[in-house]
Amino acid sequence: MKKKNDLTHFDEGGKARMVDVSHKDATLREAIAHGSISMNRETFRMIMDRRIAKGNVLGVARVAGIMGAKRTADLIPMCHPLNITNVEIEFFLSQGENKIEIEARVKTSGQTGVEMEAFMAVCMAALTIYDMCKAVDRGMVISDIHLVEKKGGKSGTFRWKGEKEDAHKG
């Protein structure tokens, strides 16, 4: 019998498997992930002033994030292909820190959650910012990628409290 803390992507023999979700009810599911990319002051200023030669960095990064969420099952082996109903990418600019915070919100109505899709959206947006700006700053740092919130499904709601041990289901 499966225990709550058992890893679901392995069978009894330890072989990798895709989890069977056919018995689960389709419910509204939503996940929010967060990450950031830090850079030098001049790179940050060039992004804000739209002086990066490759174009509108944040506009392209937003599209890349959406595309990443939609292609998650193609890149993470055990993820189910999902009918994503919405992806929103927001950027929060911290001029004093020369950092761009990235938040992705992904929704679906289905039998499994969209946490991985939200993570993929954040990662692809951050990687796109790096790619578009690497000619002027190869020292950018992508960091702090984490799940902020997850709603829906049997396990209920998860909200990140800033420390792993403070996270809870509600």
Protein backbone atom coordinates (compact mmCIF):
# COMPACT_ATOMS: atom_id res chain seq x y z
CA MET A 1 0.00 0.00 0.00
CA LYS A 2 1.29 3.46 -0.92
CA LYS A 3 2.17 5.75 1.97
CA LYS A 4 1.73 9.52 1.82
CA ASN A 5 5.46 10.21 1.52
CA ASP A 6 6.22 7.51 -1.07
CA LEU A 7 7.69 8.74 -4.34
CA THR A 8 4.98 8.29 -6.95
CA HIS A 9 7.21 8.17 -10.03
CA PHE A 10 8.66 4.77 -9.11
CA ASP A 11 6.89 1.43 -9.04
CA GLU A 12 7.34 -1.22 -6.32
CA GLY A 13 10.45 -2.48 -8.12
CA GLY A 14 12.08 0.96 -8.28
CA LYS A 15 11.47 1.47 -12.00
CA ALA A 16 10.56 4.94 -13.23
CA ARG A 17 6.96 5.35 -14.32
CA MET A 18 4.39 7.92 -15.27
CA VAL A 19 1.76 8.20 -12.54
CA ASP A 20 -1.68 6.93 -13.56
CA VAL A 21 -4.11 9.81 -12.97
CA SER A 22 -7.07 8.26 -14.77
CA HIS A 23 -8.92 7.67 -11.49
CA LYS A 24 -8.62 11.31 -10.38
CA ASP A 25 -11.38 13.86 -10.79
CA ALA A 26 -10.75 16.81 -13.06
CA THR A 27 -10.61 19.95 -10.94
CA LEU A 28 -9.45 23.53 -11.40
CA ARG A 29 -5.72 23.60 -10.67
CA GLU A 30 -3.39 26.54 -10.40
CA ALA A 31 0.27 27.03 -9.55
CA ILE A 32 2.44 30.10 -9.04
CA ALA A 33 6.22 29.90 -9.27
CA HIS A 34 8.82 32.58 -8.70
CA GLY A 35 12.45 33.17 -9.63
CA SER A 36 14.86 35.99 -10.28
CA ILE A 37 17.77 37.05 -12.42
CA SER A 38 20.41 39.47 -11.14
CA MET A 39 22.76 41.42 -13.36
CA ASN A 40 25.13 44.35 -13.39
CA ARG A 41 23.74 47.88 -13.22
CA GLU A 42 24.42 48.69 -16.88
CA THR A 43 22.64 45.56 -18.14
CA PHE A 44 19.62 46.34 -15.97
CA ARG A 45 19.58 49.91 -17.29
CA MET A 46 19.86 48.70 -20.92
CA ILE A 47 16.86 46.40 -20.43
CA MET A 48 14.81 49.22 -18.89
CA ASP A 49 15.77 51.63 -21.67
CA ARG A 50 15.21 48.96 -24.36
CA ARG A 51 18.78 49.29 -25.61
CA ILE A 52 19.51 45.55 -25.88
CA ALA A 53 20.30 44.88 -29.55
CA LYS A 54 18.17 41.72 -29.71
CA GLY A 55 14.95 43.64 -28.93
CA ASN A 56 12.35 43.95 -26.17
CA VAL A 57 13.87 41.62 -23.57
CA LEU A 58 10.88 41.35 -21.24
CA GLY A 59 8.38 40.99 -24.08
CA VAL A 60 10.33 38.13 -25.62
CA ALA A 61 10.94 36.55 -22.17
CA ARG A 62 7.18 36.62 -21.47
CA VAL A 63 6.46 34.74 -24.70
CA ALA A 64 9.26 32.25 -23.95
CA GLY A 65 7.78 31.63 -20.50
CA ILE A 66 4.37 30.91 -21.96
CA MET A 67 5.88 28.60 -24.56
CA GLY A 68 7.90 26.83 -21.85
CA ALA A 69 4.78 26.14 -19.80
CA LYS A 70 3.05 24.69 -22.87
CA ARG A 71 6.01 22.41 -23.72
CA THR A 72 6.76 21.07 -20.22
CA ALA A 73 5.69 17.50 -20.96
CA ASP A 74 8.12 17.45 -23.90
CA LEU A 75 11.07 18.19 -21.61
CA ILE A 76 10.33 16.60 -18.22
CA PRO A 77 9.98 12.86 -18.81
CA MET A 78 7.21 11.94 -16.35
CA CYS A 79 5.01 15.03 -16.79
CA HIS A 80 1.60 14.55 -18.31
CA PRO A 81 0.71 16.61 -21.39
CA LEU A 82 -1.87 19.10 -20.12
CA ASN A 83 -4.52 21.32 -21.60
CA ILE A 84 -3.26 24.55 -20.07
CA THR A 85 -6.02 27.14 -19.91
CA ASN A 86 -3.98 30.18 -18.88
CA VAL A 87 -0.38 31.32 -18.37
CA GLU A 88 0.49 34.74 -16.95
CA ILE A 89 4.06 35.99 -16.59
CA GLU A 90 4.81 39.10 -14.53
CA PHE A 91 8.12 40.90 -14.07
CA PHE A 92 8.95 42.96 -10.99
CA LEU A 93 11.93 45.26 -11.42
CA SER A 94 14.23 45.95 -8.50
CA GLN A 95 16.48 48.76 -9.67
CA GLY A 96 18.36 49.03 -6.38
CA GLU A 97 19.37 45.37 -6.62
CA ASN A 98 19.66 45.23 -10.45
CA LYS A 99 17.33 42.26 -10.33
CA ILE A 100 14.26 41.15 -12.24
CA GLU A 101 11.80 39.02 -10.27
CA ILE A 102 9.75 36.63 -12.41
CA GLU A 103 6.37 35.23 -11.42
CA ALA A 104 4.42 32.69 -13.46
CA ARG A 105 0.80 31.69 -12.83
CA VAL A 106 -0.48 28.64 -14.71
CA LYS A 107 -4.03 27.21 -14.72
CA THR A 108 -5.75 24.12 -16.02
CA SER A 109 -8.81 22.04 -15.36
CA GLY A 110 -7.60 18.49 -15.20
CA GLN A 111 -6.50 15.44 -13.27
CA THR A 112 -3.02 16.61 -12.32
CA GLY A 113 -1.42 19.87 -11.22
CA VAL A 114 0.55 22.52 -13.08
CA GLU A 115 3.47 23.10 -10.73
CA MET A 116 6.06 21.92 -13.24
CA GLU A 117 4.53 24.11 -15.93
CA ALA A 118 4.82 27.16 -13.64
CA PHE A 119 8.46 26.28 -12.89
CA MET A 120 9.18 25.85 -16.59
CA ALA A 121 7.61 29.23 -17.37
CA VAL A 122 9.87 30.97 -14.83
CA CYS A 123 12.97 29.12 -16.02
CA MET A 124 12.37 29.83 -19.70
CA ALA A 125 11.70 33.51 -19.03
CA ALA A 126 14.92 33.79 -16.99
CA LEU A 127 16.97 31.88 -19.55
CA THR A 128 15.63 34.09 -22.32
CA ILE A 129 16.64 37.23 -20.43
CA TYR A 130 20.11 35.72 -20.02
CA ASP A 131 20.30 34.77 -23.70
CA MET A 132 19.24 38.19 -24.92
CA CYS A 133 21.70 40.01 -22.63
CA LYS A 134 24.72 37.70 -22.50
CA ALA A 135 26.65 39.79 -25.04
CA VAL A 136 26.90 42.57 -22.43
CA ASP A 137 26.81 40.55 -19.17
CA ARG A 138 27.82 36.90 -18.84
CA GLY A 139 27.79 37.19 -15.03
CA MET A 140 24.00 37.25 -14.61
CA VAL A 141 22.69 34.91 -11.91
CA ILE A 142 19.39 33.04 -12.11
CA SER A 143 18.21 32.09 -8.62
CA ASP A 144 15.48 31.65 -6.04
CA ILE A 145 13.23 29.47 -8.19
CA HIS A 146 10.47 28.08 -5.99
CA LEU A 147 6.79 27.23 -5.77
CA VAL A 148 4.81 30.09 -4.24
CA GLU A 149 1.35 28.52 -4.29
CA LYS A 150 -0.50 25.50 -5.57
CA LYS A 151 -4.28 25.07 -5.54
CA GLY A 152 -6.59 22.26 -6.49
CA GLY A 153 -6.59 18.51 -6.47
CA LYS A 154 -6.73 16.05 -3.61
CA SER A 155 -3.75 17.51 -1.75
CA GLY A 156 -5.39 20.94 -1.46
CA THR A 157 -3.55 24.24 -1.18
CA PHE A 158 0.14 24.86 -0.58
CA ARG A 159 1.54 28.31 0.18
CA TRP A 160 5.24 29.04 0.53
CA LYS A 161 6.03 30.93 3.71
CA GLY A 162 9.65 31.79 2.96
CA GLU A 163 11.20 28.84 4.74
CA LYS A 164 10.68 25.23 3.74
CA GLU A 165 9.67 24.14 7.23
CA ASP A 166 7.02 26.88 7.38
CA ALA A 167 5.24 25.73 4.22
CA HIS A 168 1.88 24.13 4.89
CA LYS A 169 -1.23 22.79 3.32
CA GLY A 170 -4.42 24.57 4.15
